[in-house]
Amino acid sequence: MSQVLTDLLAVATFQAGFNTTVVMLGAAALGCAAGAAGTFAMLRRRALVSDAVAHGTLPG
């Protein structure tokens, strides 16, 4: 169990390697951009556009 916690701590502190860091930062940037675009579309009363943006960025 402590090995799992050690691995999670390494990932959370960006010490798990270059690829892991790039993927985490990319996912965070995508989440911020999608949230901003969805919020803007919702405030402009374009509910279907914000729904399409949300489903387009996070398939499923």
PDB file of N, CA and C in Angstrom:
ATOM      1  N   MET A   1       0.819  -1.200   0.000  1.00  0.00           N
ATOM      2  CA  MET A   1       0.000   0.000   0.000  1.00  0.00           C
ATOM      3  C   MET A   1       0.860   1.260   0.000  1.00  0.00           C
ATOM      4  N   SER A   2       1.984   1.232   0.721  1.00  0.00           N
ATOM      5  CA  SER A   2       2.816   2.427   0.787  1.00  0.00           C
ATOM      6  C   SER A   2       3.501   2.705  -0.547  1.00  0.00           C
ATOM      7  N   GLN A   3       3.753   1.662  -1.358  1.00  0.00           N
ATOM      8  CA  GLN A   3       4.339   1.864  -2.690  1.00  0.00           C
ATOM      9  C   GLN A   3       3.368   2.626  -3.588  1.00  0.00           C
ATOM     10  N   VAL A   4       2.084   2.321  -3.468  1.00  0.00           N
ATOM     11  CA  VAL A   4       1.071   3.026  -4.257  1.00  0.00           C
ATOM     12  C   VAL A   4       1.029   4.501  -3.860  1.00  0.00           C
ATOM     13  N   LEU A   5       1.054   4.775  -2.583  1.00  0.00           N
ATOM     14  CA  LEU A   5       1.046   6.163  -2.114  1.00  0.00           C
ATOM     15  C   LEU A   5       2.313   6.900  -2.530  1.00  0.00           C
ATOM     16  N   THR A   6       3.437   6.216  -2.498  1.00  0.00           N
ATOM     17  CA  THR A   6       4.689   6.817  -2.937  1.00  0.00           C
ATOM     18  C   THR A   6       4.635   7.159  -4.416  1.00  0.00           C
ATOM     19  N   ASP A   7       4.086   6.262  -5.237  1.00  0.00           N
ATOM     20  CA  ASP A   7       3.949   6.522  -6.669  1.00  0.00           C
ATOM     21  C   ASP A   7       2.995   7.681  -6.941  1.00  0.00           C
ATOM     22  N   LEU A   8       1.884   7.736  -6.228  1.00  0.00           N
ATOM     23  CA  LEU A   8       0.941   8.841  -6.400  1.00  0.00           C
ATOM     24  C   LEU A   8       1.556  10.170  -5.990  1.00  0.00           C
ATOM     25  N   LEU A   9       2.338  10.173  -4.941  1.00  0.00           N
ATOM     26  CA  LEU A   9       3.015  11.392  -4.514  1.00  0.00           C
ATOM     27  C   LEU A   9       4.033  11.844  -5.550  1.00  0.00           C
ATOM     28  N   ALA A  10       4.734  10.903  -6.165  1.00  0.00           N
ATOM     29  CA  ALA A  10       5.705  11.246  -7.213  1.00  0.00           C
ATOM     30  C   ALA A  10       5.001  11.860  -8.416  1.00  0.00           C
ATOM     31  N   VAL A  11       3.846  11.329  -8.780  1.00  0.00           N
ATOM     32  CA  VAL A  11       3.088  11.883  -9.908  1.00  0.00           C
ATOM     33  C   VAL A  11       2.555  13.262  -9.555  1.00  0.00           C
ATOM     34  N   ALA A  12       2.027  13.435  -8.364  1.00  0.00           N
ATOM     35  CA  ALA A  12       1.434  14.709  -7.954  1.00  0.00           C
ATOM     36  C   ALA A  12       2.473  15.822  -7.835  1.00  0.00           C
ATOM     37  N   THR A  13       3.723  15.473  -7.570  1.00  0.00           N
ATOM     38  CA  THR A  13       4.770  16.489  -7.420  1.00  0.00           C
ATOM     39  C   THR A  13       5.641  16.589  -8.671  1.00  0.00           C
ATOM     40  N   PHE A  14       5.151  16.056  -9.800  1.00  0.00           N
ATOM     41  CA  PHE A  14       5.838  16.150 -11.100  1.00  0.00           C
ATOM     42  C   PHE A  14       7.227  15.518 -11.092  1.00  0.00           C
ATOM     43  N   GLN A  15       7.411  14.436 -10.341  1.00  0.00           N
ATOM     44  CA  GLN A  15       8.700  13.757 -10.300  1.00  0.00           C
ATOM     45  C   GLN A  15       8.612  12.364 -10.909  1.00  0.00           C
ATOM     46  N   ALA A  16       7.568  12.079 -11.670  1.00  0.00           N
ATOM     47  CA  ALA A  16       7.372  10.740 -12.217  1.00  0.00           C
ATOM     48  C   ALA A  16       7.916  10.595 -13.624  1.00  0.00           C
ATOM     49  N   GLY A  17       8.524  11.622 -14.169  1.00  0.00           N
ATOM     50  CA  GLY A  17       9.089  11.541 -15.504  1.00  0.00           C
ATOM     51  C   GLY A  17       8.504  12.586 -16.428  1.00  0.00           C
ATOM     52  N   PHE A  18       9.203  12.779 -17.542  1.00  0.00           N
ATOM     53  CA  PHE A  18       8.817  13.819 -18.489  1.00  0.00           C
ATOM     54  C   PHE A  18       7.462  13.543 -19.124  1.00  0.00           C
ATOM     55  N   ASN A  19       7.207  12.318 -19.579  1.00  0.00           N
ATOM     56  CA  ASN A  19       5.942  12.007 -20.251  1.00  0.00           C
ATOM     57  C   ASN A  19       4.748  12.206 -19.330  1.00  0.00           C
ATOM     58  N   THR A  20       4.877  11.789 -18.100  1.00  0.00           N
ATOM     59  CA  THR A  20       3.782  11.955 -17.143  1.00  0.00           C
ATOM     60  C   THR A  20       3.499  13.431 -16.897  1.00  0.00           C
ATOM     61  N   THR A  21       4.543  14.224 -16.787  1.00  0.00           N
ATOM     62  CA  THR A  21       4.380  15.654 -16.564  1.00  0.00           C
ATOM     63  C   THR A  21       3.691  16.318 -17.750  1.00  0.00           C
ATOM     64  N   VAL A  22       4.107  15.956 -18.966  1.00  0.00           N
ATOM     65  CA  VAL A  22       3.501  16.542 -20.167  1.00  0.00           C
ATOM     66  C   VAL A  22       2.028  16.172 -20.261  1.00  0.00           C
ATOM     67  N   VAL A  23       1.696  14.933 -19.985  1.00  0.00           N
ATOM     68  CA  VAL A  23       0.295  14.492 -20.050  1.00  0.00           C
ATOM     69  C   VAL A  23      -0.542  15.198 -18.990  1.00  0.00           C
ATOM     70  N   MET A  24      -0.016  15.328 -17.777  1.00  0.00           N
ATOM     71  CA  MET A  24      -0.768  16.002 -16.718  1.00  0.00           C
ATOM     72  C   MET A  24      -0.992  17.474 -17.032  1.00  0.00           C
ATOM     73  N   LEU A  25       0.029  18.151 -17.532  1.00  0.00           N
ATOM     74  CA  LEU A  25      -0.130  19.564 -17.867  1.00  0.00           C
ATOM     75  C   LEU A  25      -1.058  19.753 -19.066  1.00  0.00           C
ATOM     76  N   GLY A  26      -0.996  18.852 -20.030  1.00  0.00           N
ATOM     77  CA  GLY A  26      -1.896  18.922 -21.183  1.00  0.00           C
ATOM     78  C   GLY A  26      -3.340  18.707 -20.779  1.00  0.00           C
ATOM     79  N   ALA A  27      -3.579  17.743 -19.906  1.00  0.00           N
ATOM     80  CA  ALA A  27      -4.942  17.483 -19.440  1.00  0.00           C
ATOM     81  C   ALA A  27      -5.478  18.668 -18.633  1.00  0.00           C
ATOM     82  N   ALA A  28      -4.609  19.288 -17.832  1.00  0.00           N
ATOM     83  CA  ALA A  28      -5.033  20.459 -17.058  1.00  0.00           C
ATOM     84  C   ALA A  28      -5.353  21.633 -17.980  1.00  0.00           C
ATOM     85  N   ALA A  29      -4.528  21.838 -19.006  1.00  0.00           N
ATOM     86  CA  ALA A  29      -4.781  22.929 -19.951  1.00  0.00           C
ATOM     87  C   ALA A  29      -6.067  22.695 -20.726  1.00  0.00           C
ATOM     88  N   LEU A  30      -6.303  21.460 -21.142  1.00  0.00           N
ATOM     89  CA  LEU A  30      -7.535  21.130 -21.850  1.00  0.00           C
ATOM     90  C   LEU A  30      -8.755  21.347 -20.961  1.00  0.00           C
ATOM     91  N   GLY A  31      -8.653  20.964 -19.709  1.00  0.00           N
ATOM     92  CA  GLY A  31      -9.758  21.164 -18.773  1.00  0.00           C
ATOM     93  C   GLY A  31     -10.064  22.639 -18.552  1.00  0.00           C
ATOM     94  N   CYS A  32      -9.023  23.449 -18.424  1.00  0.00           N
ATOM     95  CA  CYS A  32      -9.233  24.898 -18.249  1.00  0.00           C
ATOM     96  C   CYS A  32      -9.850  25.520 -19.492  1.00  0.00           C
ATOM     97  N   ALA A  33      -9.348  25.144 -20.661  1.00  0.00           N
ATOM     98  CA  ALA A  33      -9.875  25.716 -21.904  1.00  0.00           C
ATOM     99  C   ALA A  33     -11.325  25.299 -22.139  1.00  0.00           C
ATOM    100  N   ALA A  34     -11.627  24.033 -21.895  1.00  0.00           N
ATOM    101  CA  ALA A  34     -12.994  23.555 -22.090  1.00  0.00           C
ATOM    102  C   ALA A  34     -13.950  24.203 -21.084  1.00  0.00           C
ATOM    103  N   GLY A  35     -13.486  24.373 -19.862  1.00  0.00           N
ATOM    104  CA  GLY A  35     -14.322  25.033 -18.858  1.00  0.00           C
ATOM    105  C   GLY A  35     -14.605  26.478 -19.206  1.00  0.00           C
ATOM    106  N   ALA A  36     -13.584  27.178 -19.680  1.00  0.00           N
ATOM    107  CA  ALA A  36     -13.770  28.579 -20.066  1.00  0.00           C
ATOM    108  C   ALA A  36     -14.694  28.696 -21.275  1.00  0.00           C
ATOM    109  N   ALA A  37     -14.496  27.856 -22.277  1.00  0.00           N
ATOM    110  CA  ALA A  37     -15.346  27.911 -23.477  1.00  0.00           C
ATOM    111  C   ALA A  37     -16.788  27.534 -23.147  1.00  0.00           C
ATOM    112  N   GLY A  38     -16.971  26.521 -22.324  1.00  0.00           N
ATOM    113  CA  GLY A  38     -18.322  26.106 -21.938  1.00  0.00           C
ATOM    114  C   GLY A  38     -19.036  27.156 -21.115  1.00  0.00           C
ATOM    115  N   THR A  39     -18.318  27.787 -20.199  1.00  0.00           N
ATOM    116  CA  THR A  39     -18.908  28.839 -19.380  1.00  0.00           C
ATOM    117  C   THR A  39     -19.292  30.039 -20.235  1.00  0.00           C
ATOM    118  N   PHE A  40     -18.405  30.431 -21.152  1.00  0.00           N
ATOM    119  CA  PHE A  40     -18.696  31.554 -22.033  1.00  0.00           C
ATOM    120  C   PHE A  40     -19.933  31.258 -22.887  1.00  0.00           C
ATOM    121  N   ALA A  41     -20.017  30.045 -23.436  1.00  0.00           N
ATOM    122  CA  ALA A  41     -21.165  29.694 -24.267  1.00  0.00           C
ATOM    123  C   ALA A  41     -22.454  29.665 -23.437  1.00  0.00           C
ATOM    124  N   MET A  42     -22.361  29.195 -22.210  1.00  0.00           N
ATOM    125  CA  MET A  42     -23.553  29.145 -21.358  1.00  0.00           C
ATOM    126  C   MET A  42     -24.007  30.560 -20.980  1.00  0.00           C
ATOM    127  N   LEU A  43     -23.068  31.444 -20.698  1.00  0.00           N
ATOM    128  CA  LEU A  43     -23.434  32.813 -20.350  1.00  0.00           C
ATOM    129  C   LEU A  43     -24.008  33.565 -21.546  1.00  0.00           C
ATOM    130  N   ARG A  44     -23.633  33.166 -22.734  1.00  0.00           N
ATOM    131  CA  ARG A  44     -24.177  33.792 -23.933  1.00  0.00           C
ATOM    132  C   ARG A  44     -25.488  33.120 -24.351  1.00  0.00           C
ATOM    133  N   ARG A  45     -26.014  32.272 -23.477  1.00  0.00           N
ATOM    134  CA  ARG A  45     -27.276  31.560 -23.683  1.00  0.00           C
ATOM    135  C   ARG A  45     -27.246  30.668 -24.916  1.00  0.00           C
ATOM    136  N   ARG A  46     -26.131  29.981 -25.088  1.00  0.00           N
ATOM    137  CA  ARG A  46     -25.978  29.021 -26.169  1.00  0.00           C
ATOM    138  C   ARG A  46     -25.812  27.639 -25.523  1.00  0.00           C
ATOM    139  N   ALA A  47     -26.887  27.158 -24.932  1.00  0.00           N
ATOM    140  CA  ALA A  47     -26.828  25.926 -24.142  1.00  0.00           C
ATOM    141  C   ALA A  47     -26.400  24.729 -24.988  1.00  0.00           C
ATOM    142  N   LEU A  48     -26.883  24.622 -26.200  1.00  0.00           N
ATOM    143  CA  LEU A  48     -26.513  23.479 -27.028  1.00  0.00           C
ATOM    144  C   LEU A  48     -25.056  23.543 -27.444  1.00  0.00           C
ATOM    145  N   VAL A  49     -24.537  24.736 -27.670  1.00  0.00           N
ATOM    146  CA  VAL A  49     -23.125  24.873 -28.018  1.00  0.00           C
ATOM    147  C   VAL A  49     -22.255  24.469 -26.842  1.00  0.00           C
ATOM    148  N   SER A  50     -22.609  24.899 -25.642  1.00  0.00           N
ATOM    149  CA  SER A  50     -21.804  24.524 -24.481  1.00  0.00           C
ATOM    150  C   SER A  50     -21.872  23.025 -24.232  1.00  0.00           C
ATOM    151  N   ASP A  51     -23.014  22.412 -24.491  1.00  0.00           N
ATOM    152  CA  ASP A  51     -23.137  20.961 -24.360  1.00  0.00           C
ATOM    153  C   ASP A  51     -22.279  20.262 -25.404  1.00  0.00           C
ATOM    154  N   ALA A  52     -22.253  20.776 -26.615  1.00  0.00           N
ATOM    155  CA  ALA A  52     -21.434  20.184 -27.674  1.00  0.00           C
ATOM    156  C   ALA A  52     -19.955  20.328 -27.364  1.00  0.00           C
ATOM    157  N   VAL A  53     -19.549  21.480 -26.817  1.00  0.00           N
ATOM    158  CA  VAL A  53     -18.155  21.685 -26.446  1.00  0.00           C
ATOM    159  C   VAL A  53     -17.763  20.696 -25.344  1.00  0.00           C
ATOM    160  N   ALA A  54     -18.622  20.522 -24.375  1.00  0.00           N
ATOM    161  CA  ALA A  54     -18.314  19.606 -23.278  1.00  0.00           C
ATOM    162  C   ALA A  54     -18.179  18.170 -23.779  1.00  0.00           C
ATOM    163  N   HIS A  55     -19.071  17.747 -24.645  1.00  0.00           N
ATOM    164  CA  HIS A  55     -18.994  16.378 -25.146  1.00  0.00           C
ATOM    165  C   HIS A  55     -17.901  16.214 -26.199  1.00  0.00           C
ATOM    166  N   GLY A  56     -17.553  17.286 -26.855  1.00  0.00           N
ATOM    167  CA  GLY A  56     -16.480  17.208 -27.847  1.00  0.00           C
ATOM    168  C   GLY A  56     -15.101  17.086 -27.201  1.00  0.00           C
ATOM    169  N   THR A  57     -14.927  17.710 -26.045  1.00  0.00           N
ATOM    170  CA  THR A  57     -13.634  17.654 -25.378  1.00  0.00           C
ATOM    171  C   THR A  57     -13.492  16.440 -24.483  1.00  0.00           C
ATOM    172  N   LEU A  58     -14.576  15.923 -23.985  1.00  0.00           N
ATOM    173  CA  LEU A  58     -14.535  14.750 -23.134  1.00  0.00           C
ATOM    174  C   LEU A  58     -15.482  13.705 -23.721  1.00  0.00           C
ATOM    175  N   PRO A  59     -14.991  12.900 -24.652  1.00  0.00           N
ATOM    176  CA  PRO A  59     -15.882  11.942 -25.344  1.00  0.00           C
ATOM    177  C   PRO A  59     -16.608  11.021 -24.370  1.00  0.00           C
ATOM    178  N   GLY A  60     -17.833  10.779 -24.680  1.00  0.00           N
ATOM    179  CA  GLY A  60     -18.606   9.861 -23.853  1.00  0.00           C
ATOM    180  C   GLY A  60     -19.765  10.577 -23.312  1.00  0.00           C
TER     181      GLY A  60
END
